PDB file of N, CA and C in Angstrom:
ATOM      1  N   UNK A   1     -48.008  39.012  68.891  1.00  0.00           N
ATOM      2  CA  UNK A   1     -46.470  39.040  68.679  1.00  0.00           C
ATOM      3  C   UNK A   1     -45.624  39.931  69.414  1.00  0.00           C
ATOM      4  N   UNK A   2     -46.402  40.997  70.012  1.00  0.00           N
ATOM      5  CA  UNK A   2     -46.054  41.711  71.158  1.00  0.00           C
ATOM      6  C   UNK A   2     -45.043  40.536  72.291  1.00  0.00           C
ATOM      7  N   UNK A   3     -46.678  39.561  72.817  1.00  0.00           N
ATOM      8  CA  UNK A   3     -45.999  38.887  73.854  1.00  0.00           C
ATOM      9  C   UNK A   3     -44.618  38.062  73.424  1.00  0.00           C
ATOM     10  N   UNK A   4     -44.601  37.698  72.538  1.00  0.00           N
ATOM     11  CA  UNK A   4     -43.129  36.871  72.169  1.00  0.00           C
ATOM     12  C   UNK A   4     -42.549  38.127  72.411  1.00  0.00           C
ATOM     13  N   UNK A   5     -42.367  39.263  72.407  1.00  0.00           N
ATOM     14  CA  UNK A   5     -41.146  40.261  72.218  1.00  0.00           C
ATOM     15  C   UNK A   5     -40.903  40.151  73.796  1.00  0.00           C
ATOM     16  N   UNK A   6     -41.851  40.836  74.355  1.00  0.00           N
ATOM     17  CA  UNK A   6     -41.488  41.154  76.325  1.00  0.00           C
ATOM     18  C   UNK A   6     -41.225  39.042  76.602  1.00  0.00           C
ATOM     19  N   UNK A   7     -41.455  38.146  76.346  1.00  0.00           N
ATOM     20  CA  UNK A   7     -41.729  37.234  77.066  1.00  0.00           C
ATOM     21  C   UNK A   7     -39.556  36.774  76.363  1.00  0.00           C
ATOM     22  N   UNK A   8     -39.244  36.701  74.796  1.00  0.00           N
ATOM     23  CA  UNK A   8     -37.766  37.057  74.656  1.00  0.00           C
ATOM     24  C   UNK A   8     -37.058  37.796  75.284  1.00  0.00           C
ATOM     25  N   UNK A   9     -37.871  38.847  76.043  1.00  0.00           N
ATOM     26  CA  UNK A   9     -36.330  40.107  76.771  1.00  0.00           C
ATOM     27  C   UNK A   9     -36.827  39.337  78.117  1.00  0.00           C
ATOM     28  N   UNK A  10     -37.732  38.538  78.321  1.00  0.00           N
ATOM     29  CA  UNK A  10     -37.733  38.197  79.759  1.00  0.00           C
ATOM     30  C   UNK A  10     -37.218  37.059  79.750  1.00  0.00           C
ATOM     31  N   UNK A  11     -36.829  35.993  79.135  1.00  0.00           N
ATOM     32  CA  UNK A  11     -35.808  34.894  78.707  1.00  0.00           C
ATOM     33  C   UNK A  11     -34.087  35.510  78.480  1.00  0.00           C
ATOM     34  N   UNK A  12     -33.557  36.275  78.104  1.00  0.00           N
ATOM     35  CA  UNK A  12     -32.830  37.023  78.121  1.00  0.00           C
ATOM     36  C   UNK A  12     -32.004  37.653  79.361  1.00  0.00           C
ATOM     37  N   UNK A  13     -32.909  38.371  79.404  1.00  0.00           N
ATOM     38  CA  UNK A  13     -32.876  38.897  81.046  1.00  0.00           C
ATOM     39  C   UNK A  13     -32.346  37.388  82.037  1.00  0.00           C
ATOM     40  N   UNK A  14     -33.034  36.773  82.108  1.00  0.00           N
ATOM     41  CA  UNK A  14     -32.952  35.651  83.050  1.00  0.00           C
ATOM     42  C   UNK A  14     -32.115  34.978  82.930  1.00  0.00           C
ATOM     43  N   UNK A  15     -31.538  34.766  81.890  1.00  0.00           N
ATOM     44  CA  UNK A  15     -30.425  34.092  81.654  1.00  0.00           C
ATOM     45  C   UNK A  15     -29.047  34.968  81.920  1.00  0.00           C
ATOM     46  N   UNK A  16     -28.827  35.878  81.783  1.00  0.00           N
ATOM     47  CA  UNK A  16     -27.979  37.279  81.660  1.00  0.00           C
ATOM     48  C   UNK A  16     -27.746  37.748  83.381  1.00  0.00           C
ATOM     49  N   UNK A  17     -29.114  38.008  83.714  1.00  0.00           N
ATOM     50  CA  UNK A  17     -28.946  39.045  84.868  1.00  0.00           C
ATOM     51  C   UNK A  17     -28.097  38.100  85.673  1.00  0.00           C
ATOM     52  N   UNK A  18     -28.593  36.798  85.841  1.00  0.00           N
ATOM     53  CA  UNK A  18     -27.978  35.866  87.167  1.00  0.00           C
ATOM     54  C   UNK A  18     -26.434  36.095  86.972  1.00  0.00           C
ATOM     55  N   UNK A  19     -25.785  37.092  86.335  1.00  0.00           N
ATOM     56  CA  UNK A  19     -23.953  36.645  86.054  1.00  0.00           C
ATOM     57  C   UNK A  19     -23.497  37.583  87.779  1.00  0.00           C
ATOM     58  N   UNK A  20     -24.690  37.805  88.556  1.00  0.00           N
ATOM     59  CA  UNK A  20     -23.579  38.921  89.545  1.00  0.00           C
ATOM     60  C   UNK A  20     -23.726  37.412  90.797  1.00  0.00           C
ATOM     61  N   UNK A  21     -24.788  37.127  90.427  1.00  0.00           N
ATOM     62  CA  UNK A  21     -24.958  36.243  91.883  1.00  0.00           C
ATOM     63  C   UNK A  21     -24.574  34.480  91.408  1.00  0.00           C
ATOM     64  N   UNK A  22     -24.330  34.295  90.105  1.00  0.00           N
ATOM     65  CA  UNK A  22     -23.471  33.478  89.575  1.00  0.00           C
ATOM     66  C   UNK A  22     -22.120  32.788  90.211  1.00  0.00           C
ATOM     67  N   UNK A  23     -21.737  31.735  90.874  1.00  0.00           N
ATOM     68  CA  UNK A  23     -20.289  31.649  91.076  1.00  0.00           C
ATOM     69  C   UNK A  23     -19.109  31.377  90.088  1.00  0.00           C
ATOM     70  N   UNK A  24     -18.409  32.007  90.141  1.00  0.00           N
ATOM     71  CA  UNK A  24     -16.917  32.695  89.101  1.00  0.00           C
ATOM     72  C   UNK A  24     -16.788  31.362  88.481  1.00  0.00           C
ATOM     73  N   UNK A  25     -17.348  30.012  88.881  1.00  0.00           N
ATOM     74  CA  UNK A  25     -16.705  29.172  87.972  1.00  0.00           C
ATOM     75  C   UNK A  25     -17.470  28.834  87.021  1.00  0.00           C
ATOM     76  N   UNK A  26     -18.956  29.043  87.298  1.00  0.00           N
ATOM     77  CA  UNK A  26     -19.445  28.919  86.480  1.00  0.00           C
ATOM     78  C   UNK A  26     -20.082  30.616  84.927  1.00  0.00           C
ATOM     79  N   UNK A  27     -19.364  31.783  85.798  1.00  0.00           N
ATOM     80  CA  UNK A  27     -18.845  33.076  85.099  1.00  0.00           C
ATOM     81  C   UNK A  27     -17.893  32.999  83.903  1.00  0.00           C
ATOM     82  N   UNK A  28     -17.117  32.104  84.721  1.00  0.00           N
ATOM     83  CA  UNK A  28     -15.655  31.933  83.864  1.00  0.00           C
ATOM     84  C   UNK A  28     -15.384  30.947  82.858  1.00  0.00           C
ATOM     85  N   UNK A  29     -16.314  29.622  82.784  1.00  0.00           N
ATOM     86  CA  UNK A  29     -16.603  28.819  81.928  1.00  0.00           C
ATOM     87  C   UNK A  29     -17.901  29.767  80.622  1.00  0.00           C
ATOM     88  N   UNK A  30     -17.872  30.378  81.433  1.00  0.00           N
ATOM     89  CA  UNK A  30     -19.323  30.787  80.339  1.00  0.00           C
ATOM     90  C   UNK A  30     -18.424  31.682  79.250  1.00  0.00           C
ATOM     91  N   UNK A  31     -17.753  32.400  79.996  1.00  0.00           N
ATOM     92  CA  UNK A  31     -17.000  34.025  79.578  1.00  0.00           C
ATOM     93  C   UNK A  31     -16.008  33.085  78.700  1.00  0.00           C
ATOM     94  N   UNK A  32     -14.789  31.994  78.602  1.00  0.00           N
ATOM     95  CA  UNK A  32     -13.366  31.781  78.169  1.00  0.00           C
ATOM     96  C   UNK A  32     -14.392  30.975  77.203  1.00  0.00           C
ATOM     97  N   UNK A  33     -15.661  30.556  77.147  1.00  0.00           N
ATOM     98  CA  UNK A  33     -15.911  29.616  75.224  1.00  0.00           C
ATOM     99  C   UNK A  33     -16.881  30.731  75.057  1.00  0.00           C
ATOM    100  N   UNK A  34     -17.444  32.044  75.662  1.00  0.00           N
ATOM    101  CA  UNK A  34     -18.328  32.976  74.670  1.00  0.00           C
ATOM    102  C   UNK A  34     -19.618  31.741  74.363  1.00  0.00           C
ATOM    103  N   UNK A  35     -20.147  31.444  76.103  1.00  0.00           N
ATOM    104  CA  UNK A  35     -20.926  30.572  75.681  1.00  0.00           C
ATOM    105  C   UNK A  35     -22.593  31.560  75.299  1.00  0.00           C
ATOM    106  N   UNK A  36     -22.509  32.766  75.563  1.00  0.00           N
ATOM    107  CA  UNK A  36     -23.933  34.045  75.214  1.00  0.00           C
ATOM    108  C   UNK A  36     -23.853  34.194  73.849  1.00  0.00           C
ATOM    109  N   UNK A  37     -22.495  33.846  72.848  1.00  0.00           N
ATOM    110  CA  UNK A  37     -23.267  34.479  70.975  1.00  0.00           C
ATOM    111  C   UNK A  37     -23.461  33.015  70.959  1.00  0.00           C
ATOM    112  N   UNK A  38     -23.142  32.262  71.048  1.00  0.00           N
ATOM    113  CA  UNK A  38     -23.337  30.467  70.373  1.00  0.00           C
ATOM    114  C   UNK A  38     -24.926  30.214  69.781  1.00  0.00           C
ATOM    115  N   UNK A  39     -25.854  30.459  70.211  1.00  0.00           N
ATOM    116  CA  UNK A  39     -26.858  30.361  70.008  1.00  0.00           C
ATOM    117  C   UNK A  39     -28.335  31.825  69.765  1.00  0.00           C
ATOM    118  N   UNK A  40     -28.599  31.169  68.963  1.00  0.00           N
ATOM    119  CA  UNK A  40     -30.008  32.447  68.505  1.00  0.00           C
ATOM    120  C   UNK A  40     -30.610  32.499  69.676  1.00  0.00           C
ATOM    121  N   UNK A  41     -31.307  33.787  69.547  1.00  0.00           N
ATOM    122  CA  UNK A  41     -32.464  34.013  70.170  1.00  0.00           C
ATOM    123  C   UNK A  41     -34.221  33.062  70.582  1.00  0.00           C
ATOM    124  N   UNK A  42     -34.086  32.383  69.153  1.00  0.00           N
ATOM    125  CA  UNK A  42     -35.581  31.417  69.097  1.00  0.00           C
ATOM    126  C   UNK A  42     -34.807  30.567  69.091  1.00  0.00           C
ATOM    127  N   UNK A  43     -33.706  29.841  69.207  1.00  0.00           N
ATOM    128  CA  UNK A  43     -33.877  28.590  70.059  1.00  0.00           C
ATOM    129  C   UNK A  43     -33.079  28.660  71.232  1.00  0.00           C
ATOM    130  N   UNK A  44     -32.118  30.133  71.900  1.00  0.00           N
ATOM    131  CA  UNK A  44     -32.188  29.401  73.483  1.00  0.00           C
ATOM    132  C   UNK A  44     -33.566  29.699  73.884  1.00  0.00           C
ATOM    133  N   UNK A  45     -34.793  30.364  73.473  1.00  0.00           N
ATOM    134  CA  UNK A  45     -36.342  30.559  73.730  1.00  0.00           C
ATOM    135  C   UNK A  45     -36.791  29.136  73.877  1.00  0.00           C
ATOM    136  N   UNK A  46     -36.116  28.153  72.715  1.00  0.00           N
ATOM    137  CA  UNK A  46     -36.710  26.339  72.869  1.00  0.00           C
ATOM    138  C   UNK A  46     -36.233  25.610  73.837  1.00  0.00           C
ATOM    139  N   UNK A  47     -34.710  26.052  74.179  1.00  0.00           N
ATOM    140  CA  UNK A  47     -34.107  24.955  74.888  1.00  0.00           C
ATOM    141  C   UNK A  47     -34.566  25.471  76.423  1.00  0.00           C
ATOM    142  N   UNK A  48     -34.655  27.825  77.080  1.00  0.00           N
ATOM    143  CA  UNK A  48     -35.425  27.194  77.876  1.00  0.00           C
ATOM    144  C   UNK A  48     -36.308  26.927  77.824  1.00  0.00           C
ATOM    145  N   UNK A  49     -37.180  26.925  77.175  1.00  0.00           N
ATOM    146  CA  UNK A  49     -38.675  26.475  77.171  1.00  0.00           C
ATOM    147  C   UNK A  49     -38.815  24.352  77.511  1.00  0.00           C
ATOM    148  N   UNK A  50     -37.559  24.461  77.459  1.00  0.00           N
ATOM    149  CA  UNK A  50     -37.260  22.761  77.359  1.00  0.00           C
ATOM    150  C   UNK A  50     -37.389  23.002  78.771  1.00  0.00           C
ATOM    151  N   UNK A  51     -36.516  23.205  78.814  1.00  0.00           N
ATOM    152  CA  UNK A  51     -36.011  22.584  80.179  1.00  0.00           C
ATOM    153  C   UNK A  51     -36.542  23.423  81.633  1.00  0.00           C
ATOM    154  N   UNK A  52     -37.130  24.903  81.670  1.00  0.00           N
ATOM    155  CA  UNK A  52     -37.632  25.507  82.364  1.00  0.00           C
ATOM    156  C   UNK A  52     -38.954  25.159  82.455  1.00  0.00           C
ATOM    157  N   UNK A  53     -39.007  25.436  81.238  1.00  0.00           N
ATOM    158  CA  UNK A  53     -40.905  24.690  81.560  1.00  0.00           C
ATOM    159  C   UNK A  53     -41.468  23.868  80.653  1.00  0.00           C
ATOM    160  N   UNK A  54     -42.573  23.617  80.107  1.00  0.00           N
ATOM    161  CA  UNK A  54     -42.775  22.440  79.289  1.00  0.00           C
ATOM    162  C   UNK A  54     -42.764  22.278  77.575  1.00  0.00           C
ATOM    163  N   UNK A  55     -42.004  22.055  77.091  1.00  0.00           N
ATOM    164  CA  UNK A  55     -41.844  22.849  75.556  1.00  0.00           C
ATOM    165  C   UNK A  55     -40.799  21.573  74.976  1.00  0.00           C
ATOM    166  N   UNK A  56     -41.036  21.771  73.462  1.00  0.00           N
ATOM    167  CA  UNK A  56     -39.965  20.727  72.971  1.00  0.00           C
ATOM    168  C   UNK A  56     -39.090  22.017  72.076  1.00  0.00           C
ATOM    169  N   UNK A  57     -38.042  20.855  71.516  1.00  0.00           N
ATOM    170  CA  UNK A  57     -37.381  21.817  70.890  1.00  0.00           C
ATOM    171  C   UNK A  57     -36.483  21.513  69.454  1.00  0.00           C
ATOM    172  N   UNK A  58     -36.568  22.246  68.694  1.00  0.00           N
ATOM    173  CA  UNK A  58     -36.497  21.878  66.937  1.00  0.00           C
ATOM    174  C   UNK A  58     -35.350  21.143  66.882  1.00  0.00           C
ATOM    175  N   UNK A  59     -35.330  20.639  65.659  1.00  0.00           N
ATOM    176  CA  UNK A  59     -33.782  19.756  65.290  1.00  0.00           C
ATOM    177  C   UNK A  59     -32.678  20.809  65.016  1.00  0.00           C
ATOM    178  N   UNK A  60     -33.883  21.950  64.293  1.00  0.00           N
ATOM    179  CA  UNK A  60     -32.143  23.736  63.969  1.00  0.00           C
ATOM    180  C   UNK A  60     -31.825  23.703  65.074  1.00  0.00           C
ATOM    181  N   UNK A  61     -32.792  23.610  66.341  1.00  0.00           N
ATOM    182  CA  UNK A  61     -32.020  24.249  67.894  1.00  0.00           C
ATOM    183  C   UNK A  61     -31.035  23.112  68.385  1.00  0.00           C
ATOM    184  N   UNK A  62     -31.405  22.086  67.884  1.00  0.00           N
ATOM    185  CA  UNK A  62     -30.138  20.839  68.985  1.00  0.00           C
ATOM    186  C   UNK A  62     -29.555  21.273  68.070  1.00  0.00           C
ATOM    187  N   UNK A  63     -29.054  21.789  67.025  1.00  0.00           N
ATOM    188  CA  UNK A  63     -27.946  21.552  65.447  1.00  0.00           C
ATOM    189  C   UNK A  63     -27.216  22.877  66.595  1.00  0.00           C
ATOM    190  N   UNK A  64     -28.134  23.633  67.439  1.00  0.00           N
ATOM    191  CA  UNK A  64     -27.665  24.987  67.476  1.00  0.00           C
ATOM    192  C   UNK A  64     -27.212  24.817  69.263  1.00  0.00           C
ATOM    193  N   UNK A  65     -27.870  23.703  69.986  1.00  0.00           N
ATOM    194  CA  UNK A  65     -26.914  23.546  71.142  1.00  0.00           C
ATOM    195  C   UNK A  65     -26.394  22.594  71.099  1.00  0.00           C
ATOM    196  N   UNK A  66     -25.956  21.220  70.344  1.00  0.00           N
ATOM    197  CA  UNK A  66     -24.341  20.773  70.313  1.00  0.00           C
ATOM    198  C   UNK A  66     -23.660  22.114  69.870  1.00  0.00           C
ATOM    199  N   UNK A  67     -23.876  22.714  68.637  1.00  0.00           N
ATOM    200  CA  UNK A  67     -22.575  23.934  68.837  1.00  0.00           C
ATOM    201  C   UNK A  67     -22.424  24.856  69.610  1.00  0.00           C
ATOM    202  N   UNK A  68     -23.621  24.711  71.054  1.00  0.00           N
ATOM    203  CA  UNK A  68     -22.985  25.525  72.512  1.00  0.00           C
ATOM    204  C   UNK A  68     -22.175  24.655  73.000  1.00  0.00           C
ATOM    205  N   UNK A  69     -22.380  23.535  73.172  1.00  0.00           N
ATOM    206  CA  UNK A  69     -21.354  22.348  74.007  1.00  0.00           C
ATOM    207  C   UNK A  69     -21.966  22.167  75.303  1.00  0.00           C
ATOM    208  N   UNK A  70     -22.333  21.251  75.584  1.00  0.00           N
ATOM    209  CA  UNK A  70     -22.161  20.837  76.902  1.00  0.00           C
ATOM    210  C   UNK A  70     -21.643  21.829  78.028  1.00  0.00           C
ATOM    211  N   UNK A  71     -20.626  21.826  77.871  1.00  0.00           N
ATOM    212  CA  UNK A  71     -19.696  22.145  78.623  1.00  0.00           C
ATOM    213  C   UNK A  71     -20.479  23.458  79.216  1.00  0.00           C
ATOM    214  N   UNK A  72     -20.676  24.671  77.887  1.00  0.00           N
ATOM    215  CA  UNK A  72     -21.286  26.082  78.402  1.00  0.00           C
ATOM    216  C   UNK A  72     -22.826  25.537  78.280  1.00  0.00           C
ATOM    217  N   UNK A  73     -23.665  24.623  77.788  1.00  0.00           N
ATOM    218  CA  UNK A  73     -25.151  24.660  78.533  1.00  0.00           C
ATOM    219  C   UNK A  73     -24.958  23.806  79.546  1.00  0.00           C
ATOM    220  N   UNK A  74     -24.637  23.192  79.906  1.00  0.00           N
ATOM    221  CA  UNK A  74     -24.233  22.961  81.554  1.00  0.00           C
ATOM    222  C   UNK A  74     -24.268  24.260  82.525  1.00  0.00           C
ATOM    223  N   UNK A  75     -22.859  25.242  82.189  1.00  0.00           N
ATOM    224  CA  UNK A  75     -22.824  26.175  82.772  1.00  0.00           C
ATOM    225  C   UNK A  75     -23.991  27.157  82.800  1.00  0.00           C
ATOM    226  N   UNK A  76     -24.465  27.563  81.899  1.00  0.00           N
ATOM    227  CA  UNK A  76     -25.275  28.666  81.241  1.00  0.00           C
ATOM    228  C   UNK A  76     -27.077  28.176  82.529  1.00  0.00           C
ATOM    229  N   UNK A  77     -27.218  26.699  82.960  1.00  0.00           N
ATOM    230  CA  UNK A  77     -28.301  26.719  82.888  1.00  0.00           C
ATOM    231  C   UNK A  77     -27.376  26.390  84.702  1.00  0.00           C
ATOM    232  N   UNK A  78     -27.320  26.115  84.944  1.00  0.00           N
ATOM    233  CA  UNK A  78     -26.666  26.560  86.270  1.00  0.00           C
ATOM    234  C   UNK A  78     -26.823  27.906  86.543  1.00  0.00           C
ATOM    235  N   UNK A  79     -25.922  28.612  86.086  1.00  0.00           N
ATOM    236  CA  UNK A  79     -26.450  29.587  86.201  1.00  0.00           C
ATOM    237  C   UNK A  79     -27.335  30.541  86.282  1.00  0.00           C
ATOM    238  N   UNK A  80     -28.473  30.320  85.359  1.00  0.00           N
ATOM    239  CA  UNK A  80     -29.474  30.788  85.329  1.00  0.00           C
ATOM    240  C   UNK A  80     -30.130  30.007  86.800  1.00  0.00           C
ATOM    241  N   UNK A  81     -30.239  28.753  87.178  1.00  0.00           N
ATOM    242  CA  UNK A  81     -30.308  28.615  88.229  1.00  0.00           C
ATOM    243  C   UNK A  81     -30.311  29.235  90.067  1.00  0.00           C
ATOM    244  N   UNK A  82     -29.085  30.156  89.560  1.00  0.00           N
ATOM    245  CA  UNK A  82     -28.327  30.942  90.488  1.00  0.00           C
ATOM    246  C   UNK A  82     -29.513  32.205  90.761  1.00  0.00           C
ATOM    247  N   UNK A  83     -30.517  33.207  89.870  1.00  0.00           N
ATOM    248  CA  UNK A  83     -30.909  33.114  89.799  1.00  0.00           C
ATOM    249  C   UNK A  83     -31.727  33.104  90.963  1.00  0.00           C
ATOM    250  N   UNK A  84     -32.018  34.695  91.792  1.00  0.00           N
ATOM    251  CA  UNK A  84     -33.570  34.338  92.297  1.00  0.00           C
ATOM    252  C   UNK A  84     -34.625  34.676  92.597  1.00  0.00           C
ATOM    253  N   UNK A  85     -34.704  35.141  90.946  1.00  0.00           N
ATOM    254  CA  UNK A  85     -36.372  34.004  89.892  1.00  0.00           C
ATOM    255  C   UNK A  85     -36.641  32.747  89.869  1.00  0.00           C
ATOM    256  N   UNK A  86     -35.508  31.811  90.260  1.00  0.00           N
ATOM    257  CA  UNK A  86     -36.346  30.314  90.063  1.00  0.00           C
ATOM    258  C   UNK A  86     -35.397  29.581  91.168  1.00  0.00           C
ATOM    259  N   UNK A  87     -35.799  30.424  92.494  1.00  0.00           N
ATOM    260  CA  UNK A  87     -35.288  29.992  93.664  1.00  0.00           C
ATOM    261  C   UNK A  87     -36.590  29.117  94.216  1.00  0.00           C
ATOM    262  N   UNK A  88     -37.400  28.866  93.986  1.00  0.00           N
ATOM    263  CA  UNK A  88     -38.800  28.040  94.040  1.00  0.00           C
ATOM    264  C   UNK A  88     -38.935  26.949  93.012  1.00  0.00           C
ATOM    265  N   UNK A  89     -37.518  26.730  91.827  1.00  0.00           N
ATOM    266  CA  UNK A  89     -37.654  25.720  91.089  1.00  0.00           C
ATOM    267  C   UNK A  89     -36.002  24.322  91.817  1.00  0.00           C
ATOM    268  N   UNK A  90     -36.934  22.872  91.623  1.00  0.00           N
ATOM    269  CA  UNK A  90     -35.491  22.223  92.050  1.00  0.00           C
ATOM    270  C   UNK A  90     -34.773  22.267  91.092  1.00  0.00           C
ATOM    271  N   UNK A  91     -33.473  22.289  91.515  1.00  0.00           N
ATOM    272  CA  UNK A  91     -32.275  22.697  90.486  1.00  0.00           C
ATOM    273  C   UNK A  91     -32.010  20.728  90.276  1.00  0.00           C
ATOM    274  N   UNK A  92     -32.344  20.083  90.941  1.00  0.00           N
ATOM    275  CA  UNK A  92     -32.236  18.481  90.997  1.00  0.00           C
ATOM    276  C   UNK A  92     -33.177  18.380  89.587  1.00  0.00           C
ATOM    277  N   UNK A  93     -34.183  18.798  89.463  1.00  0.00           N
ATOM    278  CA  UNK A  93     -35.391  18.770  88.871  1.00  0.00           C
ATOM    279  C   UNK A  93     -35.074  19.282  87.570  1.00  0.00           C
ATOM    280  N   UNK A  94     -34.718  20.348  87.227  1.00  0.00           N
ATOM    281  CA  UNK A  94     -33.612  21.613  86.384  1.00  0.00           C
ATOM    282  C   UNK A  94     -32.663  20.415  85.526  1.00  0.00           C
ATOM    283  N   UNK A  95     -31.449  20.202  86.673  1.00  0.00           N
ATOM    284  CA  UNK A  95     -30.920  19.707  86.034  1.00  0.00           C
ATOM    285  C   UNK A  95     -31.037  18.041  85.320  1.00  0.00           C
ATOM    286  N   UNK A  96     -31.967  17.636  86.366  1.00  0.00           N
ATOM    287  CA  UNK A  96     -32.408  16.259  84.814  1.00  0.00           C
ATOM    288  C   UNK A  96     -33.046  17.043  84.156  1.00  0.00           C
ATOM    289  N   UNK A  97     -33.833  17.793  83.642  1.00  0.00           N
ATOM    290  CA  UNK A  97     -34.418  18.037  82.568  1.00  0.00           C
ATOM    291  C   UNK A  97     -33.454  18.793  81.156  1.00  0.00           C
ATOM    292  N   UNK A  98     -32.282  19.378  82.117  1.00  0.00           N
ATOM    293  CA  UNK A  98     -30.830  19.635  80.841  1.00  0.00           C
ATOM    294  C   UNK A  98     -30.060  18.797  80.377  1.00  0.00           C
ATOM    295  N   UNK A  99     -30.064  17.665  80.841  1.00  0.00           N
ATOM    296  CA  UNK A  99     -29.663  16.231  80.223  1.00  0.00           C
ATOM    297  C   UNK A  99     -30.567  15.698  80.082  1.00  0.00           C
ATOM    298  N   UNK A 100     -32.383  15.808  79.588  1.00  0.00           N
ATOM    299  CA  UNK A 100     -32.681  14.976  79.178  1.00  0.00           C
ATOM    300  C   UNK A 100     -33.181  15.995  77.671  1.00  0.00           C
ATOM    301  N   UNK A 101     -33.445  17.316  77.892  1.00  0.00           N
ATOM    302  CA  UNK A 101     -33.260  18.111  76.125  1.00  0.00           C
ATOM    303  C   UNK A 101     -31.727  17.547  75.716  1.00  0.00           C
ATOM    304  N   UNK A 102     -31.004  17.716  76.162  1.00  0.00           N
ATOM    305  CA  UNK A 102     -29.344  17.212  75.760  1.00  0.00           C
ATOM    306  C   UNK A 102     -29.681  15.941  74.870  1.00  0.00           C
ATOM    307  N   UNK A 103     -29.753  15.252  76.025  1.00  0.00           N
ATOM    308  CA  UNK A 103     -30.180  13.811  75.023  1.00  0.00           C
ATOM    309  C   UNK A 103     -31.616  13.553  73.963  1.00  0.00           C
ATOM    310  N   UNK A 104     -32.277  14.556  74.370  1.00  0.00           N
ATOM    311  CA  UNK A 104     -33.371  14.372  72.855  1.00  0.00           C
ATOM    312  C   UNK A 104     -32.944  14.931  71.808  1.00  0.00           C
ATOM    313  N   UNK A 105     -32.205  15.820  72.011  1.00  0.00           N
ATOM    314  CA  UNK A 105     -31.744  16.290  70.937  1.00  0.00           C
ATOM    315  C   UNK A 105     -30.374  15.659  70.505  1.00  0.00           C
ATOM    316  N   UNK A 106     -29.741  14.634  70.893  1.00  0.00           N
ATOM    317  CA  UNK A 106     -28.789  13.212  70.889  1.00  0.00           C
ATOM    318  C   UNK A 106     -29.413  12.643  69.837  1.00  0.00           C
ATOM    319  N   UNK A 107     -31.249  12.316  70.083  1.00  0.00           N
ATOM    320  CA  UNK A 107     -31.776  11.337  69.471  1.00  0.00           C
ATOM    321  C   UNK A 107     -32.117  10.960  68.572  1.00  0.00           C
ATOM    322  N   UNK A 108     -32.672  13.017  68.819  1.00  0.00           N
ATOM    323  CA  UNK A 108     -32.798  13.622  67.404  1.00  0.00           C
ATOM    324  C   UNK A 108     -31.932  13.854  65.892  1.00  0.00           C
ATOM    325  N   UNK A 109     -30.871  13.851  66.371  1.00  0.00           N
ATOM    326  CA  UNK A 109     -29.758  14.620  65.676  1.00  0.00           C
ATOM    327  C   UNK A 109     -29.446  13.126  65.303  1.00  0.00           C
ATOM    328  N   UNK A 110     -29.399  11.853  65.429  1.00  0.00           N
ATOM    329  CA  UNK A 110     -28.504  11.228  65.430  1.00  0.00           C
ATOM    330  C   UNK A 110     -29.432   9.945  64.334  1.00  0.00           C
ATOM    331  N   UNK A 111     -30.988  10.219  64.807  1.00  0.00           N
ATOM    332  CA  UNK A 111     -31.970   9.515  63.870  1.00  0.00           C
ATOM    333  C   UNK A 111     -31.912   9.858  62.219  1.00  0.00           C
ATOM    334  N   UNK A 112     -32.037   8.863  61.961  1.00  0.00           N
ATOM    335  CA  UNK A 112     -31.809   8.583  60.528  1.00  0.00           C
ATOM    336  C   UNK A 112     -33.275   9.852  60.498  1.00  0.00           C
ATOM    337  N   UNK A 113     -32.871  10.538  58.836  1.00  0.00           N
ATOM    338  CA  UNK A 113     -33.741  11.755  58.529  1.00  0.00           C
ATOM    339  C   UNK A 113     -35.639  10.520  57.683  1.00  0.00           C
ATOM    340  N   UNK A 114     -36.296  11.133  57.725  1.00  0.00           N
ATOM    341  CA  UNK A 114     -37.252  10.626  57.350  1.00  0.00           C
ATOM    342  C   UNK A 114     -37.896  10.199  55.471  1.00  0.00           C
ATOM    343  N   UNK A 115     -36.713  11.468  55.495  1.00  0.00           N
ATOM    344  CA  UNK A 115     -37.430  12.161  53.654  1.00  0.00           C
ATOM    345  C   UNK A 115     -36.340  11.373  52.749  1.00  0.00           C
ATOM    346  N   UNK A 116     -35.475   9.914  53.336  1.00  0.00           N
ATOM    347  CA  UNK A 116     -34.203   9.924  52.850  1.00  0.00           C
ATOM    348  C   UNK A 116     -35.058   8.504  52.559  1.00  0.00           C
TER     349      UNK A 116
END
């Protein structure tokens, strides 16, 4: 459990400490849309893992991701990529995974419930 707390703190740090390095455009989008307050930490972790590592995102977190909106989603991913901690990642690859995560959530949310 302690490992999860440390990991959570690191993800939040990664997502927020890039602000000083971020472009003014992304910062303005994030500020104007209150992007950093629209998802709970557990879903932020799922989305982060799905995009920046290897993981999946639940239906519940897909709902939160859509609540965040595509503009915020894109701006936060781009700002995170500007963080020096992610300099070894391929921006094109991460953007592609970001779009894939969004599209996977869209398919998950649009698919009929098996319990119907």
